[in-house]
Amino acid sequence: MVEAILIPISFFLVIFAICYLYFSTRNRERLALIEKGVDANIFFRAKSEHDLPTWKIVLINFAVLLIGIGMAIFIGSFMENTLGIDEEIAYPGTIFTMAGIGLLVGFMMTKKLEKKV
């Protein structure tokens, strides 16, 4: 019974502590820079016209990741049925391998798109 109450309370306390430390540290850092007379424009990143939107990067990486996982399921099924490899080995191995390859391909595609823009 105590665990049912203690776990959510500790979870929210951890989230609160992380947010508190982040914002208080950021505030102290900004106040120190203002005291030294540094221009306030360093807090805001200038968004140029040629920046690639973040949603496009996330969408490309997510799409390539899902394609890799889908291909891994087909390859795992092929390995299980044709080559006789155990299901417990074929599926996780190919899913993790193809997901990693998919993320790598997505990274390369994003890098190529950023060079064009």
C-alpha atoms as a PDB file:
ATOM      1  CA  MET A   1       0.000   0.000   0.000  1.00  0.00           C
ATOM      2  CA  VAL A   2       2.795   2.404   0.881  1.00  0.00           C
ATOM      3  CA  GLU A   3       4.550   1.675  -2.432  1.00  0.00           C
ATOM      4  CA  ALA A   4       1.462   2.751  -4.348  1.00  0.00           C
ATOM      5  CA  ILE A   5       1.729   6.199  -2.795  1.00  0.00           C
ATOM      6  CA  LEU A   6       5.511   6.460  -2.536  1.00  0.00           C
ATOM      7  CA  ILE A   7       6.314   5.778  -6.205  1.00  0.00           C
ATOM      8  CA  PRO A   8       4.209   8.573  -7.779  1.00  0.00           C
ATOM      9  CA  ILE A   9       5.294  11.054  -5.112  1.00  0.00           C
ATOM     10  CA  SER A  10       8.978  10.248  -5.657  1.00  0.00           C
ATOM     11  CA  PHE A  11       8.501  10.440  -9.431  1.00  0.00           C
ATOM     12  CA  PHE A  12       7.010  13.936  -9.234  1.00  0.00           C
ATOM     13  CA  LEU A  13       9.675  15.031  -6.742  1.00  0.00           C
ATOM     14  CA  VAL A  14      12.414  13.955  -9.154  1.00  0.00           C
ATOM     15  CA  ILE A  15      10.757  15.804 -12.039  1.00  0.00           C
ATOM     16  CA  PHE A  16      10.370  18.905  -9.859  1.00  0.00           C
ATOM     17  CA  ALA A  17      14.012  18.738  -8.727  1.00  0.00           C
ATOM     18  CA  ILE A  18      15.280  18.459 -12.295  1.00  0.00           C
ATOM     19  CA  CYS A  19      13.154  21.407 -13.452  1.00  0.00           C
ATOM     20  CA  TYR A  20      14.130  23.489 -10.431  1.00  0.00           C
ATOM     21  CA  LEU A  21      17.839  22.888 -10.959  1.00  0.00           C
ATOM     22  CA  TYR A  22      17.593  23.633 -14.663  1.00  0.00           C
ATOM     23  CA  PHE A  23      15.730  26.918 -14.294  1.00  0.00           C
ATOM     24  CA  SER A  24      17.627  28.176 -11.242  1.00  0.00           C
ATOM     25  CA  THR A  25      20.993  27.447 -12.879  1.00  0.00           C
ATOM     26  CA  ARG A  26      19.896  29.123 -16.108  1.00  0.00           C
ATOM     27  CA  ASN A  27      18.685  32.150 -14.176  1.00  0.00           C
ATOM     28  CA  ARG A  28      21.965  32.472 -12.232  1.00  0.00           C
ATOM     29  CA  GLU A  29      23.975  32.140 -15.422  1.00  0.00           C
ATOM     30  CA  ARG A  30      21.955  34.831 -17.173  1.00  0.00           C
ATOM     31  CA  LEU A  31      22.180  37.176 -14.202  1.00  0.00           C
ATOM     32  CA  ALA A  32      25.965  36.734 -14.118  1.00  0.00           C
ATOM     33  CA  LEU A  33      26.204  37.550 -17.829  1.00  0.00           C
ATOM     34  CA  ILE A  34      23.986  40.620 -17.409  1.00  0.00           C
ATOM     35  CA  GLU A  35      26.143  41.846 -14.512  1.00  0.00           C
ATOM     36  CA  LYS A  36      29.197  41.613 -16.752  1.00  0.00           C
ATOM     37  CA  GLY A  37      27.412  43.691 -19.398  1.00  0.00           C
ATOM     38  CA  VAL A  38      27.109  41.042 -22.079  1.00  0.00           C
ATOM     39  CA  ASP A  39      24.509  41.658 -24.783  1.00  0.00           C
ATOM     40  CA  ALA A  40      21.204  39.867 -24.198  1.00  0.00           C
ATOM     41  CA  ASN A  41      21.044  38.662 -27.810  1.00  0.00           C
ATOM     42  CA  ILE A  42      23.211  35.661 -26.943  1.00  0.00           C
ATOM     43  CA  PHE A  43      20.185  34.097 -25.234  1.00  0.00           C
ATOM     44  CA  PHE A  44      18.246  33.917 -28.469  1.00  0.00           C
ATOM     45  CA  ARG A  45      19.466  31.954 -31.458  1.00  0.00           C
ATOM     46  CA  ALA A  46      18.921  33.831 -34.674  1.00  0.00           C
ATOM     47  CA  LYS A  47      16.764  31.682 -36.913  1.00  0.00           C
ATOM     48  CA  SER A  48      17.884  32.023 -40.479  1.00  0.00           C
ATOM     49  CA  GLU A  49      15.731  31.400 -43.513  1.00  0.00           C
ATOM     50  CA  HIS A  50      17.869  28.433 -44.500  1.00  0.00           C
ATOM     51  CA  ASP A  51      17.422  26.347 -41.342  1.00  0.00           C
ATOM     52  CA  LEU A  52      15.827  22.955 -41.821  1.00  0.00           C
ATOM     53  CA  PRO A  53      12.695  22.645 -39.657  1.00  0.00           C
ATOM     54  CA  THR A  54      13.055  20.256 -36.732  1.00  0.00           C
ATOM     55  CA  TRP A  55       9.857  18.421 -37.563  1.00  0.00           C
ATOM     56  CA  LYS A  56      11.295  17.389 -40.935  1.00  0.00           C
ATOM     57  CA  ILE A  57      14.397  15.944 -39.296  1.00  0.00           C
ATOM     58  CA  VAL A  58      12.335  14.001 -36.755  1.00  0.00           C
ATOM     59  CA  LEU A  59       9.945  12.763 -39.427  1.00  0.00           C
ATOM     60  CA  ILE A  60      12.742  11.530 -41.702  1.00  0.00           C
ATOM     61  CA  ASN A  61      14.516   9.718 -38.885  1.00  0.00           C
ATOM     62  CA  PHE A  62      11.289   8.170 -37.580  1.00  0.00           C
ATOM     63  CA  ALA A  63      10.241   7.019 -41.066  1.00  0.00           C
ATOM     64  CA  VAL A  64      13.581   5.400 -41.808  1.00  0.00           C
ATOM     65  CA  LEU A  65      13.582   3.771 -38.358  1.00  0.00           C
ATOM     66  CA  LEU A  66      10.135   2.244 -38.953  1.00  0.00           C
ATOM     67  CA  ILE A  67      11.174   1.050 -42.415  1.00  0.00           C
ATOM     68  CA  GLY A  68      14.208  -0.629 -40.856  1.00  0.00           C
ATOM     69  CA  ILE A  69      12.099  -2.321 -38.182  1.00  0.00           C
ATOM     70  CA  GLY A  70       9.614  -3.530 -40.804  1.00  0.00           C
ATOM     71  CA  MET A  71      12.393  -4.973 -42.926  1.00  0.00           C
ATOM     72  CA  ALA A  72      13.868  -6.617 -39.829  1.00  0.00           C
ATOM     73  CA  ILE A  73      10.626  -8.460 -39.116  1.00  0.00           C
ATOM     74  CA  PHE A  74      10.610  -9.847 -42.652  1.00  0.00           C
ATOM     75  CA  ILE A  75      14.277 -10.841 -42.421  1.00  0.00           C
ATOM     76  CA  GLY A  76      13.705 -12.431 -38.999  1.00  0.00           C
ATOM     77  CA  SER A  77      10.771 -14.408 -40.373  1.00  0.00           C
ATOM     78  CA  PHE A  78      12.918 -15.553 -43.303  1.00  0.00           C
ATOM     79  CA  MET A  79      15.718 -16.578 -40.949  1.00  0.00           C
ATOM     80  CA  GLU A  80      13.318 -18.504 -38.733  1.00  0.00           C
ATOM     81  CA  ASN A  81      11.433 -20.346 -41.478  1.00  0.00           C
ATOM     82  CA  THR A  82      14.174 -20.954 -44.040  1.00  0.00           C
ATOM     83  CA  LEU A  83      17.401 -21.135 -42.082  1.00  0.00           C
ATOM     84  CA  GLY A  84      15.884 -22.693 -38.958  1.00  0.00           C
ATOM     85  CA  ILE A  85      17.247 -20.109 -36.517  1.00  0.00           C
ATOM     86  CA  ASP A  86      15.376 -19.849 -33.214  1.00  0.00           C
ATOM     87  CA  GLU A  87      12.671 -17.198 -33.030  1.00  0.00           C
ATOM     88  CA  GLU A  88      14.182 -15.758 -29.824  1.00  0.00           C
ATOM     89  CA  ILE A  89      17.425 -15.069 -31.663  1.00  0.00           C
ATOM     90  CA  ALA A  90      16.249 -14.150 -35.155  1.00  0.00           C
ATOM     91  CA  TYR A  91      13.735 -11.419 -34.369  1.00  0.00           C
ATOM     92  CA  PRO A  92      15.520  -9.331 -31.690  1.00  0.00           C
ATOM     93  CA  GLY A  93      18.858  -9.564 -33.462  1.00  0.00           C
ATOM     94  CA  THR A  94      17.568  -8.398 -36.805  1.00  0.00           C
ATOM     95  CA  ILE A  95      15.269  -5.749 -35.294  1.00  0.00           C
ATOM     96  CA  PHE A  96      18.087  -4.100 -33.335  1.00  0.00           C
ATOM     97  CA  THR A  97      20.513  -4.377 -36.248  1.00  0.00           C
ATOM     98  CA  MET A  98      18.125  -2.963 -38.829  1.00  0.00           C
ATOM     99  CA  ALA A  99      16.893  -0.247 -36.443  1.00  0.00           C
ATOM    100  CA  GLY A 100      20.500   0.854 -35.949  1.00  0.00           C
ATOM    101  CA  ILE A 101      21.118   0.839 -39.683  1.00  0.00           C
ATOM    102  CA  GLY A 102      17.878   2.791 -40.186  1.00  0.00           C
ATOM    103  CA  LEU A 103      18.936   5.447 -37.678  1.00  0.00           C
ATOM    104  CA  LEU A 104      22.335   5.698 -39.349  1.00  0.00           C
ATOM    105  CA  VAL A 105      20.715   6.105 -42.781  1.00  0.00           C
ATOM    106  CA  GLY A 106      18.335   8.732 -41.361  1.00  0.00           C
ATOM    107  CA  PHE A 107      21.295  10.626 -39.919  1.00  0.00           C
ATOM    108  CA  MET A 108      23.090  10.560 -43.258  1.00  0.00           C
ATOM    109  CA  MET A 109      19.956  11.763 -45.065  1.00  0.00           C
ATOM    110  CA  THR A 110      19.505  14.600 -42.573  1.00  0.00           C
ATOM    111  CA  LYS A 111      23.127  15.624 -42.937  1.00  0.00           C
ATOM    112  CA  LYS A 112      22.763  15.673 -46.729  1.00  0.00           C
ATOM    113  CA  LEU A 113      19.589  17.784 -46.485  1.00  0.00           C
ATOM    114  CA  GLU A 114      21.274  20.266 -44.164  1.00  0.00           C
ATOM    115  CA  LYS A 115      24.131  20.685 -46.638  1.00  0.00           C
ATOM    116  CA  LYS A 116      21.659  21.511 -49.423  1.00  0.00           C
ATOM    117  CA  VAL A 117      19.876  24.169 -47.337  1.00  0.00           C
END
